Amino acid sequence: MSQQGSILIVDDEAGPRESLRMILKPIYKIYTAANGKEALALIQKENIDLVTLDLNMPGLSGIDVLKEIKKIKSDVEVIIITGYGTLKNAQQVIRYGAGDFISKPFNVADIIAIISKSFERRNYNLKINNLIQQIKGLRNVGEDQEREPRLGNKVPISS
């Protein structure tokens, strides 16, 4: 199967991080990070499309990492995968731009479906943003043409 995008798996626990890597590796290009600092360095260096992010990590918390990811590259989809799932946490991460929230332990079929839907949402949003930029470009061209003096059918008077 051809690879359909790149995913960064961020989790301080090797077990869940490696499990996700093995599940997703046949479908996606996979990067891993054991903490928030490593994750942010990879986001700046590599072309990452989606991040799975643990909330409870030493150093930078998952919420802090989420905020920084969205500052660096706002079109990256982020899925929170955590063993500390509370309604308050879910509301907070959605507010900061996470696309989904999954509790550990996760179901393999569910995680694959959620990641697939996240890629669909990302591709759709990129297409919309591209169209918006094209429309803005056309509008700018139209404004430039309006500013240029037009002679129309008039013949300049020569002396």
N, C-alpha and C. Protein backbone atom coordinates (compact mmCIF):
# COMPACT_ATOMS: atom_id res chain seq x y z
N MET A 1 0.84 -1.18 0.00
CA MET A 1 0.00 0.00 0.00
C MET A 1 0.89 1.25 0.00
N SER A 2 0.53 2.24 -0.78
CA SER A 2 1.35 3.45 -0.82
C SER A 2 1.10 4.30 0.42
N GLN A 3 2.11 5.04 0.81
CA GLN A 3 1.99 5.88 1.99
C GLN A 3 1.15 7.10 1.68
N GLN A 4 0.22 7.42 2.58
CA GLN A 4 -0.77 8.45 2.35
C GLN A 4 -0.54 9.73 3.12
N GLY A 5 0.58 9.93 3.73
CA GLY A 5 0.83 11.13 4.52
C GLY A 5 1.83 10.80 5.61
N SER A 6 2.13 11.82 6.40
CA SER A 6 3.11 11.63 7.47
C SER A 6 2.48 11.92 8.82
N ILE A 7 2.84 11.09 9.78
CA ILE A 7 2.30 11.19 11.14
C ILE A 7 3.45 11.24 12.13
N LEU A 8 3.34 12.15 13.08
CA LEU A 8 4.26 12.22 14.21
C LEU A 8 3.54 11.69 15.43
N ILE A 9 4.08 10.65 16.04
CA ILE A 9 3.52 10.05 17.26
C ILE A 9 4.32 10.58 18.44
N VAL A 10 3.64 11.27 19.34
CA VAL A 10 4.31 11.87 20.50
C VAL A 10 3.75 11.24 21.77
N ASP A 11 4.60 10.49 22.46
CA ASP A 11 4.19 9.85 23.72
C ASP A 11 5.46 9.55 24.50
N ASP A 12 5.46 9.86 25.79
CA ASP A 12 6.64 9.61 26.62
C ASP A 12 6.76 8.13 26.98
N GLU A 13 5.70 7.35 26.82
CA GLU A 13 5.74 5.92 27.10
C GLU A 13 6.04 5.16 25.81
N ALA A 14 7.07 4.34 25.86
CA ALA A 14 7.50 3.61 24.67
C ALA A 14 6.45 2.62 24.17
N GLY A 15 5.72 1.97 25.06
CA GLY A 15 4.74 0.95 24.67
C GLY A 15 3.66 1.50 23.73
N PRO A 16 2.91 2.52 24.16
CA PRO A 16 1.89 3.08 23.27
C PRO A 16 2.48 3.71 22.01
N ARG A 17 3.63 4.34 22.15
CA ARG A 17 4.28 4.98 20.99
C ARG A 17 4.65 3.94 19.94
N GLU A 18 5.26 2.85 20.37
CA GLU A 18 5.67 1.79 19.43
C GLU A 18 4.48 1.02 18.88
N SER A 19 3.44 0.83 19.70
CA SER A 19 2.23 0.16 19.21
C SER A 19 1.62 0.95 18.06
N LEU A 20 1.47 2.25 18.26
CA LEU A 20 0.92 3.10 17.19
C LEU A 20 1.81 3.09 15.96
N ARG A 21 3.11 3.14 16.18
CA ARG A 21 4.05 3.13 15.06
C ARG A 21 3.87 1.86 14.23
N MET A 22 3.77 0.71 14.88
CA MET A 22 3.64 -0.55 14.17
C MET A 22 2.29 -0.64 13.44
N ILE A 23 1.24 -0.12 14.05
CA ILE A 23 -0.09 -0.15 13.43
C ILE A 23 -0.13 0.74 12.18
N LEU A 24 0.47 1.91 12.27
CA LEU A 24 0.33 2.91 11.21
C LEU A 24 1.43 2.86 10.14
N LYS A 25 2.55 2.22 10.45
CA LYS A 25 3.70 2.20 9.54
C LYS A 25 3.39 1.67 8.14
N PRO A 26 2.54 0.64 7.98
CA PRO A 26 2.26 0.17 6.61
C PRO A 26 1.51 1.19 5.74
N ILE A 27 0.85 2.15 6.37
CA ILE A 27 -0.01 3.08 5.64
C ILE A 27 0.61 4.48 5.52
N TYR A 28 1.31 4.92 6.55
CA TYR A 28 1.80 6.29 6.63
C TYR A 28 3.31 6.33 6.89
N LYS A 29 3.89 7.46 6.56
CA LYS A 29 5.29 7.71 6.95
C LYS A 29 5.24 8.13 8.41
N ILE A 30 6.01 7.46 9.25
CA ILE A 30 5.91 7.66 10.69
C ILE A 30 7.18 8.27 11.27
N TYR A 31 6.96 9.27 12.13
CA TYR A 31 8.01 9.85 12.97
C TYR A 31 7.56 9.65 14.41
N THR A 32 8.52 9.55 15.32
CA THR A 32 8.16 9.43 16.74
C THR A 32 8.96 10.41 17.57
N ALA A 33 8.36 10.80 18.68
CA ALA A 33 9.04 11.68 19.64
C ALA A 33 8.61 11.26 21.05
N ALA A 34 9.58 11.27 21.97
CA ALA A 34 9.32 10.85 23.34
C ALA A 34 8.91 12.01 24.25
N ASN A 35 8.98 13.24 23.73
CA ASN A 35 8.59 14.39 24.55
C ASN A 35 8.22 15.57 23.64
N GLY A 36 7.71 16.61 24.26
CA GLY A 36 7.26 17.78 23.51
C GLY A 36 8.36 18.51 22.79
N LYS A 37 9.52 18.60 23.41
CA LYS A 37 10.64 19.30 22.78
C LYS A 37 11.06 18.62 21.48
N GLU A 38 11.18 17.29 21.51
CA GLU A 38 11.52 16.53 20.30
C GLU A 38 10.44 16.72 19.23
N ALA A 39 9.19 16.71 19.67
CA ALA A 39 8.07 16.85 18.73
C ALA A 39 8.12 18.19 18.01
N LEU A 40 8.34 19.26 18.74
CA LEU A 40 8.37 20.59 18.13
C LEU A 40 9.55 20.74 17.17
N ALA A 41 10.68 20.12 17.50
CA ALA A 41 11.84 20.15 16.60
C ALA A 41 11.51 19.42 15.29
N LEU A 42 10.83 18.29 15.39
CA LEU A 42 10.45 17.54 14.18
C LEU A 42 9.42 18.30 13.34
N ILE A 43 8.48 18.96 14.00
CA ILE A 43 7.46 19.74 13.27
C ILE A 43 8.14 20.82 12.44
N GLN A 44 9.18 21.43 12.98
CA GLN A 44 9.87 22.50 12.26
C GLN A 44 10.76 21.95 11.14
N LYS A 45 11.24 20.73 11.30
CA LYS A 45 12.21 20.16 10.36
C LYS A 45 11.56 19.32 9.26
N GLU A 46 10.53 18.58 9.58
CA GLU A 46 9.93 17.62 8.65
C GLU A 46 8.56 18.10 8.18
N ASN A 47 8.08 17.51 7.10
CA ASN A 47 6.75 17.83 6.58
C ASN A 47 5.75 16.88 7.25
N ILE A 48 5.21 17.30 8.37
CA ILE A 48 4.28 16.49 9.16
C ILE A 48 2.85 16.91 8.85
N ASP A 49 1.99 15.93 8.57
CA ASP A 49 0.59 16.21 8.27
C ASP A 49 -0.31 16.07 9.49
N LEU A 50 0.01 15.12 10.36
CA LEU A 50 -0.85 14.80 11.49
C LEU A 50 0.01 14.41 12.68
N VAL A 51 -0.46 14.78 13.88
CA VAL A 51 0.25 14.43 15.11
C VAL A 51 -0.71 13.71 16.04
N THR A 52 -0.26 12.56 16.58
CA THR A 52 -0.97 11.96 17.71
C THR A 52 -0.18 12.38 18.94
N LEU A 53 -0.89 12.89 19.93
CA LEU A 53 -0.22 13.57 21.03
C LEU A 53 -0.78 13.11 22.38
N ASP A 54 0.12 12.67 23.25
CA ASP A 54 -0.24 12.34 24.62
C ASP A 54 -0.34 13.64 25.41
N LEU A 55 -1.25 13.70 26.38
CA LEU A 55 -1.39 14.91 27.19
C LEU A 55 -0.43 14.97 28.36
N ASN A 56 -0.27 13.84 29.04
CA ASN A 56 0.50 13.82 30.29
C ASN A 56 1.93 13.38 30.03
N MET A 57 2.80 14.38 29.80
CA MET A 57 4.21 14.10 29.55
C MET A 57 5.07 14.99 30.45
N PRO A 58 6.27 14.51 30.81
CA PRO A 58 7.17 15.37 31.57
C PRO A 58 7.66 16.53 30.70
N GLY A 59 8.02 17.62 31.33
CA GLY A 59 8.46 18.80 30.56
C GLY A 59 7.25 19.52 30.03
N LEU A 60 7.21 19.72 28.72
CA LEU A 60 6.06 20.37 28.09
C LEU A 60 4.85 19.44 28.13
N SER A 61 3.74 19.95 28.60
CA SER A 61 2.52 19.13 28.60
C SER A 61 1.99 19.02 27.17
N GLY A 62 1.12 18.07 26.95
CA GLY A 62 0.51 17.90 25.65
C GLY A 62 -0.23 19.15 25.19
N ILE A 63 -0.89 19.83 26.13
CA ILE A 63 -1.62 21.06 25.77
C ILE A 63 -0.65 22.13 25.32
N ASP A 64 0.48 22.27 26.01
CA ASP A 64 1.49 23.26 25.59
C ASP A 64 2.06 22.91 24.22
N VAL A 65 2.29 21.63 23.97
CA VAL A 65 2.80 21.19 22.66
C VAL A 65 1.77 21.48 21.58
N LEU A 66 0.50 21.19 21.86
CA LEU A 66 -0.58 21.47 20.91
C LEU A 66 -0.60 22.95 20.53
N LYS A 67 -0.53 23.81 21.52
CA LYS A 67 -0.54 25.27 21.25
C LYS A 67 0.63 25.66 20.36
N GLU A 68 1.81 25.12 20.63
CA GLU A 68 3.00 25.46 19.84
C GLU A 68 2.91 24.91 18.43
N ILE A 69 2.40 23.68 18.29
CA ILE A 69 2.23 23.10 16.95
C ILE A 69 1.36 24.01 16.10
N LYS A 70 0.25 24.47 16.66
CA LYS A 70 -0.68 25.31 15.91
C LYS A 70 -0.07 26.67 15.56
N LYS A 71 0.87 27.15 16.39
CA LYS A 71 1.58 28.40 16.06
C LYS A 71 2.56 28.18 14.91
N ILE A 72 3.25 27.04 14.93
CA ILE A 72 4.27 26.74 13.92
C ILE A 72 3.63 26.41 12.58
N LYS A 73 2.62 25.53 12.60
CA LYS A 73 2.01 25.06 11.35
C LYS A 73 0.54 24.76 11.63
N SER A 74 -0.32 25.73 11.40
CA SER A 74 -1.72 25.63 11.80
C SER A 74 -2.51 24.56 11.06
N ASP A 75 -2.03 24.11 9.90
CA ASP A 75 -2.80 23.11 9.14
C ASP A 75 -2.50 21.67 9.54
N VAL A 76 -1.63 21.47 10.52
CA VAL A 76 -1.36 20.12 11.01
C VAL A 76 -2.55 19.64 11.84
N GLU A 77 -3.07 18.47 11.52
CA GLU A 77 -4.14 17.88 12.32
C GLU A 77 -3.52 17.28 13.58
N VAL A 78 -4.18 17.45 14.72
CA VAL A 78 -3.70 16.89 15.98
C VAL A 78 -4.79 16.04 16.60
N ILE A 79 -4.43 14.82 16.95
CA ILE A 79 -5.33 13.91 17.65
C ILE A 79 -4.72 13.63 19.01
N ILE A 80 -5.47 13.90 20.06
CA ILE A 80 -5.00 13.63 21.42
C ILE A 80 -5.33 12.17 21.75
N ILE A 81 -4.30 11.45 22.20
CA ILE A 81 -4.49 10.07 22.66
C ILE A 81 -3.93 10.01 24.07
N THR A 82 -4.80 9.84 25.06
CA THR A 82 -4.35 9.96 26.44
C THR A 82 -5.03 8.96 27.36
N GLY A 83 -4.33 8.62 28.41
CA GLY A 83 -4.87 7.79 29.47
C GLY A 83 -5.55 8.63 30.54
N TYR A 84 -5.49 9.95 30.39
CA TYR A 84 -6.05 10.87 31.37
C TYR A 84 -7.19 11.67 30.75
N GLY A 85 -8.11 10.95 30.13
CA GLY A 85 -9.20 11.61 29.43
C GLY A 85 -10.30 12.08 30.37
N THR A 86 -10.47 13.38 30.44
CA THR A 86 -11.58 13.96 31.19
C THR A 86 -12.33 14.90 30.27
N LEU A 87 -13.56 15.22 30.62
CA LEU A 87 -14.35 16.14 29.82
C LEU A 87 -13.65 17.50 29.75
N LYS A 88 -13.08 17.94 30.87
CA LYS A 88 -12.38 19.23 30.89
C LYS A 88 -11.19 19.21 29.92
N ASN A 89 -10.40 18.12 29.94
CA ASN A 89 -9.27 18.01 29.01
C ASN A 89 -9.74 18.03 27.56
N ALA A 90 -10.81 17.27 27.28
CA ALA A 90 -11.32 17.21 25.91
C ALA A 90 -11.76 18.59 25.44
N GLN A 91 -12.49 19.31 26.27
CA GLN A 91 -12.94 20.66 25.90
C GLN A 91 -11.75 21.59 25.67
N GLN A 92 -10.76 21.49 26.53
CA GLN A 92 -9.59 22.36 26.42
C GLN A 92 -8.80 22.10 25.13
N VAL A 93 -8.56 20.86 24.78
CA VAL A 93 -7.75 20.58 23.60
C VAL A 93 -8.50 20.89 22.31
N ILE A 94 -9.81 20.69 22.31
CA ILE A 94 -10.61 21.06 21.14
C ILE A 94 -10.55 22.57 20.96
N ARG A 95 -10.61 23.32 22.04
CA ARG A 95 -10.52 24.78 21.99
C ARG A 95 -9.19 25.23 21.38
N TYR A 96 -8.13 24.48 21.62
CA TYR A 96 -6.81 24.84 21.10
C TYR A 96 -6.51 24.24 19.73
N GLY A 97 -7.48 23.57 19.14
CA GLY A 97 -7.31 23.14 17.76
C GLY A 97 -7.13 21.65 17.52
N ALA A 98 -7.26 20.81 18.54
CA ALA A 98 -7.17 19.37 18.30
C ALA A 98 -8.40 18.92 17.52
N GLY A 99 -8.20 17.98 16.62
CA GLY A 99 -9.29 17.49 15.79
C GLY A 99 -10.08 16.37 16.44
N ASP A 100 -9.45 15.64 17.37
CA ASP A 100 -10.14 14.54 18.02
C ASP A 100 -9.46 14.21 19.34
N PHE A 101 -10.13 13.41 20.15
CA PHE A 101 -9.68 13.07 21.50
C PHE A 101 -10.00 11.60 21.73
N ILE A 102 -8.98 10.78 21.98
CA ILE A 102 -9.14 9.34 22.15
C ILE A 102 -8.54 8.93 23.49
N SER A 103 -9.26 8.09 24.21
CA SER A 103 -8.74 7.58 25.49
C SER A 103 -7.97 6.29 25.28
N LYS A 104 -6.89 6.12 26.07
CA LYS A 104 -6.15 4.86 26.10
C LYS A 104 -6.86 3.95 27.09
N PRO A 105 -6.85 2.66 26.88
CA PRO A 105 -6.33 1.97 25.69
C PRO A 105 -7.30 2.19 24.52
N PHE A 106 -6.73 2.27 23.33
CA PHE A 106 -7.54 2.56 22.15
C PHE A 106 -7.80 1.28 21.36
N ASN A 107 -8.85 1.32 20.57
CA ASN A 107 -9.21 0.24 19.68
C ASN A 107 -8.52 0.50 18.34
N VAL A 108 -7.83 -0.47 17.79
CA VAL A 108 -7.06 -0.32 16.56
C VAL A 108 -7.94 0.16 15.40
N ALA A 109 -9.09 -0.46 15.23
CA ALA A 109 -9.99 -0.06 14.13
C ALA A 109 -10.43 1.39 14.30
N ASP A 110 -10.72 1.79 15.55
CA ASP A 110 -11.15 3.17 15.80
C ASP A 110 -10.04 4.17 15.48
N ILE A 111 -8.82 3.86 15.90
CA ILE A 111 -7.72 4.81 15.67
C ILE A 111 -7.45 4.96 14.18
N ILE A 112 -7.50 3.87 13.43
CA ILE A 112 -7.29 3.95 11.98
C ILE A 112 -8.39 4.78 11.32
N ALA A 113 -9.64 4.57 11.74
CA ALA A 113 -10.76 5.32 11.17
C ALA A 113 -10.65 6.81 11.50
N ILE A 114 -10.29 7.13 12.73
CA ILE A 114 -10.17 8.53 13.14
C ILE A 114 -9.03 9.21 12.40
N ILE A 115 -7.91 8.54 12.25
CA ILE A 115 -6.78 9.12 11.51
C ILE A 115 -7.15 9.33 10.05
N SER A 116 -7.83 8.36 9.46
CA SER A 116 -8.26 8.50 8.07
C SER A 116 -9.19 9.70 7.90
N LYS A 117 -10.14 9.86 8.80
CA LYS A 117 -11.06 11.01 8.74
C LYS A 117 -10.32 12.32 8.96
N SER A 118 -9.31 12.31 9.81
CA SER A 118 -8.51 13.51 10.05
C SER A 118 -7.75 13.92 8.80
N PHE A 119 -7.22 12.94 8.06
CA PHE A 119 -6.54 13.25 6.80
C PHE A 119 -7.53 13.80 5.77
N GLU A 120 -8.73 13.22 5.72
CA GLU A 120 -9.75 13.74 4.81
C GLU A 120 -10.09 15.19 5.15
N ARG A 121 -10.27 15.48 6.45
CA ARG A 121 -10.58 16.84 6.90
C ARG A 121 -9.44 17.79 6.54
N ARG A 122 -8.21 17.36 6.75
CA ARG A 122 -7.05 18.21 6.44
C ARG A 122 -6.99 18.50 4.95
N ASN A 123 -7.16 17.48 4.12
CA ASN A 123 -7.11 17.68 2.66
C ASN A 123 -8.24 18.61 2.20
N TYR A 124 -9.41 18.44 2.76
CA TYR A 124 -10.55 19.31 2.42
C TYR A 124 -10.23 20.76 2.81
N ASN A 125 -9.72 20.97 4.01
CA ASN A 125 -9.37 22.33 4.46
C ASN A 125 -8.27 22.95 3.60
N LEU A 126 -7.29 22.15 3.20
CA LEU A 126 -6.23 22.67 2.33
C LEU A 126 -6.79 23.10 0.98
N LYS A 127 -7.73 22.31 0.43
CA LYS A 127 -8.36 22.67 -0.84
C LYS A 127 -9.14 23.98 -0.70
N ILE A 128 -9.88 24.12 0.38
CA ILE A 128 -10.65 25.35 0.60
C ILE A 128 -9.70 26.54 0.72
N ASN A 129 -8.65 26.40 1.50
CA ASN A 129 -7.68 27.50 1.65
C ASN A 129 -7.02 27.86 0.33
N ASN A 130 -6.73 26.86 -0.50
CA ASN A 130 -6.15 27.10 -1.81
C ASN A 130 -7.12 27.88 -2.69
N LEU A 131 -8.39 27.50 -2.67
CA LEU A 131 -9.41 28.23 -3.45
C LEU A 131 -9.55 29.67 -2.97
N ILE A 132 -9.52 29.86 -1.66
CA ILE A 132 -9.60 31.22 -1.11
C ILE A 132 -8.43 32.06 -1.60
N GLN A 133 -7.24 31.48 -1.60
CA GLN A 133 -6.06 32.22 -2.07
C GLN A 133 -6.18 32.55 -3.56
N GLN A 134 -6.72 31.61 -4.34
CA GLN A 134 -6.92 31.87 -5.77
C GLN A 134 -7.92 33.00 -5.98
N ILE A 135 -8.99 33.00 -5.22
CA ILE A 135 -10.00 34.06 -5.33
C ILE A 135 -9.40 35.40 -4.94
N LYS A 136 -8.62 35.43 -3.87
CA LYS A 136 -7.94 36.67 -3.47
C LYS A 136 -7.00 37.15 -4.57
N GLY A 137 -6.31 36.21 -5.20
CA GLY A 137 -5.41 36.57 -6.30
C GLY A 137 -6.16 37.17 -7.46
N LEU A 138 -7.31 36.59 -7.80
CA LEU A 138 -8.13 37.13 -8.89
C LEU A 138 -8.67 38.51 -8.54
N ARG A 139 -9.04 38.69 -7.29
CA ARG A 139 -9.55 39.99 -6.84
C ARG A 139 -8.45 41.04 -6.97
N ASN A 140 -7.24 40.68 -6.58
CA ASN A 140 -6.12 41.62 -6.68
C ASN A 140 -5.82 41.98 -8.13
N VAL A 141 -5.92 41.02 -9.03
CA VAL A 141 -5.70 41.29 -10.45
C VAL A 141 -6.76 42.27 -10.94
N GLY A 142 -8.02 42.05 -10.55
CA GLY A 142 -9.11 42.94 -10.94
C GLY A 142 -8.91 44.35 -10.43
N GLU A 143 -8.44 44.48 -9.19
CA GLU A 143 -8.20 45.81 -8.61
C GLU A 143 -7.08 46.52 -9.34
N ASP A 144 -6.02 45.79 -9.71
CA ASP A 144 -4.91 46.39 -10.44
C ASP A 144 -5.37 46.90 -11.80
N GLN A 145 -6.23 46.16 -12.47
CA GLN A 145 -6.72 46.58 -13.78
C GLN A 145 -7.59 47.82 -13.67
N GLU A 146 -8.35 47.94 -12.58
CA GLU A 146 -9.20 49.11 -12.40
C GLU A 146 -8.37 50.37 -12.17
N ARG A 147 -7.23 50.23 -11.58
CA ARG A 147 -6.37 51.39 -11.29
C ARG A 147 -5.66 51.92 -12.53
N GLU A 148 -5.46 51.05 -13.53
CA GLU A 148 -4.75 51.47 -14.75
C GLU A 148 -5.66 52.35 -15.59
N PRO A 149 -5.12 53.47 -16.12
CA PRO A 149 -5.96 54.33 -16.97
C PRO A 149 -6.31 53.59 -18.25
N ARG A 150 -7.55 53.75 -18.67
CA ARG A 150 -8.00 53.09 -19.89
C ARG A 150 -8.34 54.15 -20.93
N LEU A 151 -7.97 53.84 -22.14
CA LEU A 151 -8.29 54.75 -23.23
C LEU A 151 -9.60 54.36 -23.90
N GLY A 152 -9.98 53.11 -23.76
CA GLY A 152 -11.20 52.67 -24.40
C GLY A 152 -11.18 52.90 -25.89
N ASN A 153 -12.24 53.45 -26.43
CA ASN A 153 -12.34 53.71 -27.88
C ASN A 153 -11.88 55.10 -28.24
N LYS A 154 -11.46 55.86 -27.28
CA LYS A 154 -11.05 57.24 -27.54
C LYS A 154 -9.71 57.26 -28.25
N VAL A 155 -9.57 58.17 -29.17
CA VAL A 155 -8.33 58.33 -29.89
C VAL A 155 -7.59 59.52 -29.28
N PRO A 156 -6.34 59.31 -28.89
CA PRO A 156 -5.61 60.46 -28.31
C PRO A 156 -5.44 61.57 -29.33
N ILE A 157 -5.53 62.78 -28.84
CA ILE A 157 -5.36 63.96 -29.71
C ILE A 157 -3.88 64.22 -29.87
N SER A 158 -3.46 64.33 -31.12
CA SER A 158 -2.05 64.63 -31.33
C SER A 158 -1.95 66.06 -31.85
N SER A 159 -0.86 66.71 -31.55
CA SER A 159 -0.69 68.10 -32.00
C SER A 159 0.13 68.22 -33.23
